[in-house]
Amino acid sequence: MRPSELWNPDTEEFITIESFNHPIEMNRTNLRSKLNHASEKDKKIEELFNELQHEKQRSAGFQERHCLVLNDIRQAKQLAVLHSQ
């Protein structure tokens, strides 16, 4: 950054201080906007993370029930083999 210029993140270029009107107000507005946007993103990430955790728990429950059913089927087959002998 050059001493007589400021970085403008909106245009992604350096601008001279003389052509920059009300830098404090513009920076406050930009900062508020960016913080609000970041906050919205954080909320969405948290919502998606919570949804993922819930779905993982559901999946684990389904997997456990699936294993129980498979074990029951194996036991039933073994009993059928024993009774047929």
PDB file of N, CA and C in Angstrom:
ATOM      1  N   MET A   1       0.839  -1.178   0.000  1.00  0.00           N
ATOM      2  CA  MET A   1       0.000   0.000   0.000  1.00  0.00           C
ATOM      3  C   MET A   1       0.878   1.233   0.000  1.00  0.00           C
ATOM      4  N   ARG A   2       0.529   2.172  -0.826  1.00  0.00           N
ATOM      5  CA  ARG A   2       1.276   3.421  -0.907  1.00  0.00           C
ATOM      6  C   ARG A   2       0.721   4.405   0.119  1.00  0.00           C
ATOM      7  N   PRO A   3       1.546   5.331   0.673  1.00  0.00           N
ATOM      8  CA  PRO A   3       1.090   6.229   1.742  1.00  0.00           C
ATOM      9  C   PRO A   3      -0.117   7.091   1.367  1.00  0.00           C
ATOM     10  N   SER A   4      -0.248   7.507   0.125  1.00  0.00           N
ATOM     11  CA  SER A   4      -1.344   8.407  -0.254  1.00  0.00           C
ATOM     12  C   SER A   4      -2.537   7.660  -0.832  1.00  0.00           C
ATOM     13  N   GLU A   5      -2.560   6.346  -0.671  1.00  0.00           N
ATOM     14  CA  GLU A   5      -3.649   5.567  -1.244  1.00  0.00           C
ATOM     15  C   GLU A   5      -4.235   4.611  -0.210  1.00  0.00           C
ATOM     16  N   LEU A   6      -5.468   4.233  -0.451  1.00  0.00           N
ATOM     17  CA  LEU A   6      -6.150   3.254   0.388  1.00  0.00           C
ATOM     18  C   LEU A   6      -6.665   2.133  -0.488  1.00  0.00           C
ATOM     19  N   TRP A   7      -6.742   0.953   0.099  1.00  0.00           N
ATOM     20  CA  TRP A   7      -7.268  -0.208  -0.633  1.00  0.00           C
ATOM     21  C   TRP A   7      -8.787  -0.202  -0.533  1.00  0.00           C
ATOM     22  N   ASN A   8      -9.454  -0.325  -1.661  1.00  0.00           N
ATOM     23  CA  ASN A   8     -10.910  -0.404  -1.685  1.00  0.00           C
ATOM     24  C   ASN A   8     -11.282  -1.855  -1.985  1.00  0.00           C
ATOM     25  N   PRO A   9     -11.794  -2.583  -0.979  1.00  0.00           N
ATOM     26  CA  PRO A   9     -12.113  -3.998  -1.198  1.00  0.00           C
ATOM     27  C   PRO A   9     -13.270  -4.218  -2.169  1.00  0.00           C
ATOM     28  N   ASP A  10     -14.151  -3.213  -2.311  1.00  0.00           N
ATOM     29  CA  ASP A  10     -15.277  -3.362  -3.239  1.00  0.00           C
ATOM     30  C   ASP A  10     -14.819  -3.390  -4.688  1.00  0.00           C
ATOM     31  N   THR A  11     -13.877  -2.507  -5.019  1.00  0.00           N
ATOM     32  CA  THR A  11     -13.383  -2.454  -6.401  1.00  0.00           C
ATOM     33  C   THR A  11     -12.090  -3.227  -6.566  1.00  0.00           C
ATOM     34  N   GLU A  12     -11.517  -3.657  -5.419  1.00  0.00           N
ATOM     35  CA  GLU A  12     -10.251  -4.388  -5.411  1.00  0.00           C
ATOM     36  C   GLU A  12      -9.139  -3.626  -6.125  1.00  0.00           C
ATOM     37  N   GLU A  13      -9.035  -2.357  -5.744  1.00  0.00           N
ATOM     38  CA  GLU A  13      -7.958  -1.540  -6.295  1.00  0.00           C
ATOM     39  C   GLU A  13      -7.616  -0.443  -5.298  1.00  0.00           C
ATOM     40  N   PHE A  14      -6.433   0.131  -5.470  1.00  0.00           N
ATOM     41  CA  PHE A  14      -6.028   1.249  -4.645  1.00  0.00           C
ATOM     42  C   PHE A  14      -6.674   2.514  -5.177  1.00  0.00           C
ATOM     43  N   ILE A  15      -7.101   3.380  -4.262  1.00  0.00           N
ATOM     44  CA  ILE A  15      -7.620   4.684  -4.674  1.00  0.00           C
ATOM     45  C   ILE A  15      -6.893   5.753  -3.879  1.00  0.00           C
ATOM     46  N   THR A  16      -6.741   6.911  -4.467  1.00  0.00           N
ATOM     47  CA  THR A  16      -6.040   7.988  -3.772  1.00  0.00           C
ATOM     48  C   THR A  16      -6.943   8.567  -2.706  1.00  0.00           C
ATOM     49  N   ILE A  17      -6.350   9.045  -1.643  1.00  0.00           N
ATOM     50  CA  ILE A  17      -7.106   9.588  -0.522  1.00  0.00           C
ATOM     51  C   ILE A  17      -7.918  10.798  -0.956  1.00  0.00           C
ATOM     52  N   GLU A  18      -7.389  11.625  -1.852  1.00  0.00           N
ATOM     53  CA  GLU A  18      -8.092  12.826  -2.292  1.00  0.00           C
ATOM     54  C   GLU A  18      -9.419  12.490  -2.973  1.00  0.00           C
ATOM     55  N   SER A  19      -9.518  11.351  -3.637  1.00  0.00           N
ATOM     56  CA  SER A  19     -10.748  11.003  -4.344  1.00  0.00           C
ATOM     57  C   SER A  19     -11.678  10.141  -3.504  1.00  0.00           C
ATOM     58  N   PHE A  20     -11.318   9.931  -2.270  1.00  0.00           N
ATOM     59  CA  PHE A  20     -12.086   9.052  -1.397  1.00  0.00           C
ATOM     60  C   PHE A  20     -12.931   9.913  -0.475  1.00  0.00           C
ATOM     61  N   ASN A  21     -14.231   9.930  -0.669  1.00  0.00           N
ATOM     62  CA  ASN A  21     -15.123  10.766   0.131  1.00  0.00           C
ATOM     63  C   ASN A  21     -15.553  10.045   1.396  1.00  0.00           C
ATOM     64  N   HIS A  22     -15.432  10.704   2.522  1.00  0.00           N
ATOM     65  CA  HIS A  22     -15.867  10.201   3.815  1.00  0.00           C
ATOM     66  C   HIS A  22     -15.375   8.776   4.093  1.00  0.00           C
ATOM     67  N   PRO A  23     -14.082   8.607   4.209  1.00  0.00           N
ATOM     68  CA  PRO A  23     -13.553   7.249   4.380  1.00  0.00           C
ATOM     69  C   PRO A  23     -14.048   6.560   5.650  1.00  0.00           C
ATOM     70  N   ILE A  24     -14.241   7.310   6.718  1.00  0.00           N
ATOM     71  CA  ILE A  24     -14.654   6.675   7.967  1.00  0.00           C
ATOM     72  C   ILE A  24     -16.058   6.103   7.830  1.00  0.00           C
ATOM     73  N   GLU A  25     -16.980   6.897   7.292  1.00  0.00           N
ATOM     74  CA  GLU A  25     -18.351   6.417   7.132  1.00  0.00           C
ATOM     75  C   GLU A  25     -18.416   5.250   6.149  1.00  0.00           C
ATOM     76  N   MET A  26     -17.684   5.343   5.057  1.00  0.00           N
ATOM     77  CA  MET A  26     -17.701   4.257   4.083  1.00  0.00           C
ATOM     78  C   MET A  26     -17.123   2.990   4.699  1.00  0.00           C
ATOM     79  N   ASN A  27     -16.052   3.138   5.455  1.00  0.00           N
ATOM     80  CA  ASN A  27     -15.450   1.965   6.079  1.00  0.00           C
ATOM     81  C   ASN A  27     -16.375   1.354   7.125  1.00  0.00           C
ATOM     82  N   ARG A  28     -17.076   2.193   7.889  1.00  0.00           N
ATOM     83  CA  ARG A  28     -18.023   1.672   8.882  1.00  0.00           C
ATOM     84  C   ARG A  28     -19.145   0.908   8.197  1.00  0.00           C
ATOM     85  N   THR A  29     -19.654   1.496   7.126  1.00  0.00           N
ATOM     86  CA  THR A  29     -20.734   0.841   6.394  1.00  0.00           C
ATOM     87  C   THR A  29     -20.260  -0.483   5.819  1.00  0.00           C
ATOM     88  N   ASN A  30     -19.099  -0.463   5.199  1.00  0.00           N
ATOM     89  CA  ASN A  30     -18.549  -1.700   4.631  1.00  0.00           C
ATOM     90  C   ASN A  30     -18.305  -2.737   5.719  1.00  0.00           C
ATOM     91  N   LEU A  31     -17.783  -2.282   6.844  1.00  0.00           N
ATOM     92  CA  LEU A  31     -17.486  -3.202   7.942  1.00  0.00           C
ATOM     93  C   LEU A  31     -18.772  -3.829   8.476  1.00  0.00           C
ATOM     94  N   ARG A  32     -19.799  -2.994   8.696  1.00  0.00           N
ATOM     95  CA  ARG A  32     -21.082  -3.521   9.174  1.00  0.00           C
ATOM     96  C   ARG A  32     -21.646  -4.534   8.190  1.00  0.00           C
ATOM     97  N   SER A  33     -21.579  -4.182   6.917  1.00  0.00           N
ATOM     98  CA  SER A  33     -22.112  -5.070   5.884  1.00  0.00           C
ATOM     99  C   SER A  33     -21.357  -6.396   5.874  1.00  0.00           C
ATOM    100  N   LYS A  34     -20.051  -6.327   5.953  1.00  0.00           N
ATOM    101  CA  LYS A  34     -19.238  -7.545   5.935  1.00  0.00           C
ATOM    102  C   LYS A  34     -19.461  -8.385   7.189  1.00  0.00           C
ATOM    103  N   LEU A  35     -19.567  -7.718   8.350  1.00  0.00           N
ATOM    104  CA  LEU A  35     -19.807  -8.453   9.590  1.00  0.00           C
ATOM    105  C   LEU A  35     -21.177  -9.115   9.572  1.00  0.00           C
ATOM    106  N   ASN A  36     -22.170  -8.405   9.061  1.00  0.00           N
ATOM    107  CA  ASN A  36     -23.517  -8.970   8.971  1.00  0.00           C
ATOM    108  C   ASN A  36     -23.520 -10.171   8.029  1.00  0.00           C
ATOM    109  N   HIS A  37     -22.832 -10.034   6.897  1.00  0.00           N
ATOM    110  CA  HIS A  37     -22.762 -11.135   5.934  1.00  0.00           C
ATOM    111  C   HIS A  37     -22.043 -12.339   6.551  1.00  0.00           C
ATOM    112  N   ALA A  38     -20.950 -12.068   7.275  1.00  0.00           N
ATOM    113  CA  ALA A  38     -20.206 -13.152   7.926  1.00  0.00           C
ATOM    114  C   ALA A  38     -21.071 -13.817   8.994  1.00  0.00           C
ATOM    115  N   SER A  39     -21.830 -13.006   9.726  1.00  0.00           N
ATOM    116  CA  SER A  39     -22.705 -13.551  10.755  1.00  0.00           C
ATOM    117  C   SER A  39     -23.774 -14.448  10.137  1.00  0.00           C
ATOM    118  N   GLU A  40     -24.339 -14.034   9.015  1.00  0.00           N
ATOM    119  CA  GLU A  40     -25.335 -14.849   8.325  1.00  0.00           C
ATOM    120  C   GLU A  40     -24.721 -16.162   7.845  1.00  0.00           C
ATOM    121  N   LYS A  41     -23.494 -16.083   7.337  1.00  0.00           N
ATOM    122  CA  LYS A  41     -22.808 -17.300   6.895  1.00  0.00           C
ATOM    123  C   LYS A  41     -22.557 -18.236   8.076  1.00  0.00           C
ATOM    124  N   ASP A  42     -22.119 -17.664   9.211  1.00  0.00           N
ATOM    125  CA  ASP A  42     -21.870 -18.476  10.402  1.00  0.00           C
ATOM    126  C   ASP A  42     -23.145 -19.174  10.863  1.00  0.00           C
ATOM    127  N   LYS A  43     -24.268 -18.456  10.836  1.00  0.00           N
ATOM    128  CA  LYS A  43     -25.546 -19.058  11.234  1.00  0.00           C
ATOM    129  C   LYS A  43     -25.910 -20.205  10.298  1.00  0.00           C
ATOM    130  N   LYS A  44     -25.726 -19.996   8.999  1.00  0.00           N
ATOM    131  CA  LYS A  44     -26.057 -21.040   8.026  1.00  0.00           C
ATOM    132  C   LYS A  44     -25.158 -22.258   8.229  1.00  0.00           C
ATOM    133  N   ILE A  45     -23.870 -22.022   8.466  1.00  0.00           N
ATOM    134  CA  ILE A  45     -22.931 -23.122   8.710  1.00  0.00           C
ATOM    135  C   ILE A  45     -23.351 -23.898   9.954  1.00  0.00           C
ATOM    136  N   GLU A  46     -23.732 -23.172  11.012  1.00  0.00           N
ATOM    137  CA  GLU A  46     -24.162 -23.837  12.243  1.00  0.00           C
ATOM    138  C   GLU A  46     -25.427 -24.663  12.003  1.00  0.00           C
ATOM    139  N   GLU A  47     -26.378 -24.106  11.256  1.00  0.00           N
ATOM    140  CA  GLU A  47     -27.606 -24.846  10.939  1.00  0.00           C
ATOM    141  C   GLU A  47     -27.289 -26.121  10.158  1.00  0.00           C
ATOM    142  N   LEU A  48     -26.432 -26.000   9.155  1.00  0.00           N
ATOM    143  CA  LEU A  48     -26.081 -27.166   8.345  1.00  0.00           C
ATOM    144  C   LEU A  48     -25.317 -28.203   9.165  1.00  0.00           C
ATOM    145  N   PHE A  49     -24.431 -27.738  10.046  1.00  0.00           N
ATOM    146  CA  PHE A  49     -23.680 -28.650  10.907  1.00  0.00           C
ATOM    147  C   PHE A  49     -24.635 -29.419  11.820  1.00  0.00           C
ATOM    148  N   ASN A  50     -25.589 -28.694  12.426  1.00  0.00           N
ATOM    149  CA  ASN A  50     -26.564 -29.355  13.305  1.00  0.00           C
ATOM    150  C   ASN A  50     -27.408 -30.362  12.533  1.00  0.00           C
ATOM    151  N   GLU A  51     -27.792 -30.000  11.324  1.00  0.00           N
ATOM    152  CA  GLU A  51     -28.565 -30.925  10.491  1.00  0.00           C
ATOM    153  C   GLU A  51     -27.744 -32.171  10.160  1.00  0.00           C
ATOM    154  N   LEU A  52     -26.470 -31.977   9.852  1.00  0.00           N
ATOM    155  CA  LEU A  52     -25.586 -33.107   9.559  1.00  0.00           C
ATOM    156  C   LEU A  52     -25.456 -34.025  10.771  1.00  0.00           C
ATOM    157  N   GLN A  53     -25.277 -33.445  11.958  1.00  0.00           N
ATOM    158  CA  GLN A  53     -25.166 -34.255  13.173  1.00  0.00           C
ATOM    159  C   GLN A  53     -26.440 -35.065  13.396  1.00  0.00           C
ATOM    160  N   HIS A  54     -27.584 -34.439  13.182  1.00  0.00           N
ATOM    161  CA  HIS A  54     -28.864 -35.138  13.345  1.00  0.00           C
ATOM    162  C   HIS A  54     -28.962 -36.308  12.365  1.00  0.00           C
ATOM    163  N   GLU A  55     -28.588 -36.069  11.112  1.00  0.00           N
ATOM    164  CA  GLU A  55     -28.659 -37.127  10.100  1.00  0.00           C
ATOM    165  C   GLU A  55     -27.667 -38.245  10.391  1.00  0.00           C
ATOM    166  N   LYS A  56     -26.508 -37.908  10.948  1.00  0.00           N
ATOM    167  CA  LYS A  56     -25.539 -38.947  11.332  1.00  0.00           C
ATOM    168  C   LYS A  56     -26.115 -39.831  12.432  1.00  0.00           C
ATOM    169  N   GLN A  57     -26.806 -39.209  13.395  1.00  0.00           N
ATOM    170  CA  GLN A  57     -27.426 -39.991  14.469  1.00  0.00           C
ATOM    171  C   GLN A  57     -28.516 -40.900  13.913  1.00  0.00           C
ATOM    172  N   ARG A  58     -29.327 -40.369  13.017  1.00  0.00           N
ATOM    173  CA  ARG A  58     -30.371 -41.193  12.391  1.00  0.00           C
ATOM    174  C   ARG A  58     -29.747 -42.360  11.636  1.00  0.00           C
ATOM    175  N   SER A  59     -28.680 -42.072  10.889  1.00  0.00           N
ATOM    176  CA  SER A  59     -28.005 -43.111  10.114  1.00  0.00           C
ATOM    177  C   SER A  59     -27.445 -44.194  11.033  1.00  0.00           C
ATOM    178  N   ALA A  60     -26.858 -43.783  12.155  1.00  0.00           N
ATOM    179  CA  ALA A  60     -26.317 -44.758  13.105  1.00  0.00           C
ATOM    180  C   ALA A  60     -27.433 -45.641  13.659  1.00  0.00           C
ATOM    181  N   GLY A  61     -28.586 -45.047  13.922  1.00  0.00           N
ATOM    182  CA  GLY A  61     -29.727 -45.831  14.399  1.00  0.00           C
ATOM    183  C   GLY A  61     -30.194 -46.834  13.363  1.00  0.00           C
ATOM    184  N   PHE A  62     -30.275 -46.393  12.104  1.00  0.00           N
ATOM    185  CA  PHE A  62     -30.670 -47.306  11.023  1.00  0.00           C
ATOM    186  C   PHE A  62     -29.664 -48.442  10.873  1.00  0.00           C
ATOM    187  N   GLN A  63     -28.386 -48.100  10.955  1.00  0.00           N
ATOM    188  CA  GLN A  63     -27.342 -49.113  10.804  1.00  0.00           C
ATOM    189  C   GLN A  63     -27.422 -50.143  11.934  1.00  0.00           C
ATOM    190  N   GLU A  64     -27.675 -49.663  13.138  1.00  0.00           N
ATOM    191  CA  GLU A  64     -27.789 -50.584  14.280  1.00  0.00           C
ATOM    192  C   GLU A  64     -28.970 -51.537  14.086  1.00  0.00           C
ATOM    193  N   ARG A  65     -30.115 -50.984  13.660  1.00  0.00           N
ATOM    194  CA  ARG A  65     -31.289 -51.836  13.417  1.00  0.00           C
ATOM    195  C   ARG A  65     -31.033 -52.818  12.280  1.00  0.00           C
ATOM    196  N   HIS A  66     -30.328 -52.373  11.264  1.00  0.00           N
ATOM    197  CA  HIS A  66     -29.983 -53.241  10.134  1.00  0.00           C
ATOM    198  C   HIS A  66     -29.144 -54.427  10.619  1.00  0.00           C
ATOM    199  N   CYS A  67     -28.156 -54.156  11.449  1.00  0.00           N
ATOM    200  CA  CYS A  67     -27.308 -55.234  11.984  1.00  0.00           C
ATOM    201  C   CYS A  67     -28.121 -56.207  12.833  1.00  0.00           C
ATOM    202  N   LEU A  68     -29.061 -55.683  13.622  1.00  0.00           N
ATOM    203  CA  LEU A  68     -29.908 -56.563  14.438  1.00  0.00           C
ATOM    204  C   LEU A  68     -30.758 -57.472  13.555  1.00  0.00           C
ATOM    205  N   VAL A  69     -31.313 -56.931  12.489  1.00  0.00           N
ATOM    206  CA  VAL A  69     -32.125 -57.736  11.571  1.00  0.00           C
ATOM    207  C   VAL A  69     -31.268 -58.810  10.914  1.00  0.00           C
ATOM    208  N   LEU A  70     -30.059 -58.442  10.468  1.00  0.00           N
ATOM    209  CA  LEU A  70     -29.169 -59.432   9.849  1.00  0.00           C
ATOM    210  C   LEU A  70     -28.813 -60.542  10.831  1.00  0.00           C
ATOM    211  N   ASN A  71     -28.550 -60.186  12.079  1.00  0.00           N
ATOM    212  CA  ASN A  71     -28.251 -61.207  13.092  1.00  0.00           C
ATOM    213  C   ASN A  71     -29.443 -62.125  13.314  1.00  0.00           C
ATOM    214  N   ASP A  72     -30.645 -61.541  13.353  1.00  0.00           N
ATOM    215  CA  ASP A  72     -31.853 -62.371  13.502  1.00  0.00           C
ATOM    216  C   ASP A  72     -31.997 -63.341  12.333  1.00  0.00           C
ATOM    217  N   ILE A  73     -31.726 -62.873  11.127  1.00  0.00           N
ATOM    218  CA  ILE A  73     -31.821 -63.734   9.937  1.00  0.00           C
ATOM    219  C   ILE A  73     -30.804 -64.870  10.018  1.00  0.00           C
ATOM    220  N   ARG A  74     -29.569 -64.547  10.426  1.00  0.00           N
ATOM    221  CA  ARG A  74     -28.531 -65.584  10.558  1.00  0.00           C
ATOM    222  C   ARG A  74     -28.940 -66.635  11.590  1.00  0.00           C
ATOM    223  N   GLN A  75     -29.451 -66.168  12.718  1.00  0.00           N
ATOM    224  CA  GLN A  75     -29.881 -67.109  13.758  1.00  0.00           C
ATOM    225  C   GLN A  75     -31.040 -67.977  13.270  1.00  0.00           C
ATOM    226  N   ALA A  76     -31.960 -67.375  12.538  1.00  0.00           N
ATOM    227  CA  ALA A  76     -33.096 -68.141  12.011  1.00  0.00           C
ATOM    228  C   ALA A  76     -32.616 -69.194  11.025  1.00  0.00           C
ATOM    229  N   LYS A  77     -31.635 -68.850  10.195  1.00  0.00           N
ATOM    230  CA  LYS A  77     -31.076 -69.826   9.247  1.00  0.00           C
ATOM    231  C   LYS A  77     -30.406 -70.973   9.996  1.00  0.00           C
ATOM    232  N   GLN A  78     -29.642 -70.639  11.032  1.00  0.00           N
ATOM    233  CA  GLN A  78     -28.960 -71.679  11.808  1.00  0.00           C
ATOM    234  C   GLN A  78     -29.971 -72.609  12.474  1.00  0.00           C
ATOM    235  N   LEU A  79     -31.032 -72.038  13.018  1.00  0.00           N
ATOM    236  CA  LEU A  79     -32.070 -72.870  13.638  1.00  0.00           C
ATOM    237  C   LEU A  79     -32.758 -73.745  12.598  1.00  0.00           C
ATOM    238  N   ALA A  80     -32.988 -73.195  11.418  1.00  0.00           N
ATOM    239  CA  ALA A  80     -33.633 -73.972  10.350  1.00  0.00           C
ATOM    240  C   ALA A  80     -32.749 -75.136   9.939  1.00  0.00           C
ATOM    241  N   VAL A  81     -31.440 -74.907   9.871  1.00  0.00           N
ATOM    242  CA  VAL A  81     -30.510 -75.980   9.509  1.00  0.00           C
ATOM    243  C   VAL A  81     -30.513 -77.050  10.595  1.00  0.00           C
ATOM    244  N   LEU A  82     -30.503 -76.652  11.858  1.00  0.00           N
ATOM    245  CA  LEU A  82     -30.505 -77.618  12.962  1.00  0.00           C
ATOM    246  C   LEU A  82     -31.794 -78.438  12.980  1.00  0.00           C
ATOM    247  N   HIS A  83     -32.916 -77.803  12.736  1.00  0.00           N
ATOM    248  CA  HIS A  83     -34.201 -78.526  12.752  1.00  0.00           C
ATOM    249  C   HIS A  83     -34.353 -79.447  11.544  1.00  0.00           C
ATOM    250  N   SER A  84     -33.690 -79.136  10.455  1.00  0.00           N
ATOM    251  CA  SER A  84     -33.821 -79.973   9.250  1.00  0.00           C
ATOM    252  C   SER A  84     -32.950 -81.217   9.333  1.00  0.00           C
ATOM    253  N   GLN A  85     -32.043 -81.281  10.263  1.00  0.00           N
ATOM    254  CA  GLN A  85     -31.145 -82.439  10.368  1.00  0.00           C
ATOM    255  C   GLN A  85     -31.746 -83.559  11.147  1.00  0.00           C
TER     256      GLN A  85
END
